[in-house]
Amino acid sequence: LRSCKDKISDEQVVDKILRTLPPRFDHVAVAIEESRNLDIMEIEELQNSLEAHEMRINER
């Protein structure tokens, strides 16, 4: 998205990522949306949350 040289906020990128996650992440996306302020969430914070969830799933 950012490679198109358009100014895109972290909020827009976070929203786009959450909307395009595979269905197996639906419950995680909902939990993130409900428990965190997406207006101030940074991309790295979202990435860390998703990676932590994926690690928990892979451990099962």
Protein backbone atom coordinates (compact mmCIF):
# COMPACT_ATOMS: atom_id res chain seq x y z
CA LEU A 1 0.00 0.00 0.00
CA ARG A 2 2.67 2.45 0.97
CA SER A 3 4.78 1.66 -2.08
CA CYS A 4 2.27 3.57 -4.21
CA LYS A 5 3.60 6.76 -2.58
CA ASP A 6 0.20 7.64 -1.16
CA LYS A 7 0.07 8.75 2.44
CA ILE A 8 -1.62 5.95 4.37
CA SER A 9 -1.93 6.04 8.15
CA ASP A 10 -1.12 3.12 10.43
CA GLU A 11 -4.83 3.07 11.30
CA GLN A 12 -5.74 2.44 7.65
CA VAL A 13 -3.09 -0.27 7.28
CA VAL A 14 -4.18 -2.02 10.50
CA ASP A 15 -7.81 -1.92 9.34
CA LYS A 16 -6.87 -3.34 5.93
CA ILE A 17 -4.81 -6.14 7.48
CA LEU A 18 -7.62 -7.13 9.86
CA ARG A 19 -10.14 -7.19 7.00
CA THR A 20 -7.96 -9.38 4.78
CA LEU A 21 -6.90 -12.04 7.30
CA PRO A 22 -7.80 -15.64 6.48
CA PRO A 23 -10.96 -17.01 8.12
CA ARG A 24 -8.95 -18.93 10.74
CA PHE A 25 -8.02 -15.52 12.23
CA ASP A 26 -11.62 -14.21 12.42
CA HIS A 27 -11.90 -14.67 16.18
CA VAL A 28 -8.50 -13.06 16.70
CA ALA A 29 -9.42 -10.06 14.55
CA VAL A 30 -12.65 -9.58 16.50
CA ALA A 31 -10.80 -9.84 19.82
CA ILE A 32 -8.24 -7.24 18.69
CA GLU A 33 -10.95 -4.90 17.41
CA GLU A 34 -12.94 -5.18 20.65
CA SER A 35 -10.07 -4.96 23.12
CA ARG A 36 -7.76 -2.38 21.60
CA ASN A 37 -7.99 1.17 20.34
CA LEU A 38 -7.33 0.70 16.63
CA ASP A 39 -6.97 4.47 16.16
CA ILE A 40 -3.61 4.36 17.92
CA MET A 41 -2.49 0.79 17.24
CA GLU A 42 0.78 0.53 15.37
CA ILE A 43 1.41 -2.04 12.65
CA GLU A 44 4.16 -3.67 14.72
CA GLU A 45 1.76 -4.16 17.64
CA LEU A 46 -0.75 -5.86 15.35
CA GLN A 47 1.98 -8.02 13.85
CA ASN A 48 3.14 -9.11 17.31
CA SER A 49 -0.41 -10.05 18.34
CA LEU A 50 -0.98 -12.08 15.18
CA GLU A 51 2.39 -13.84 15.44
CA ALA A 52 1.74 -14.72 19.10
CA HIS A 53 -1.62 -16.23 18.14
CA GLU A 54 -0.08 -18.20 15.30
CA MET A 55 2.62 -19.57 17.61
CA ARG A 56 -0.05 -20.72 20.09
CA ILE A 57 -1.98 -22.44 17.30
CA ASN A 58 1.14 -24.18 15.97
CA GLU A 59 2.02 -25.50 19.44
CA ARG A 60 -1.22 -27.51 19.60
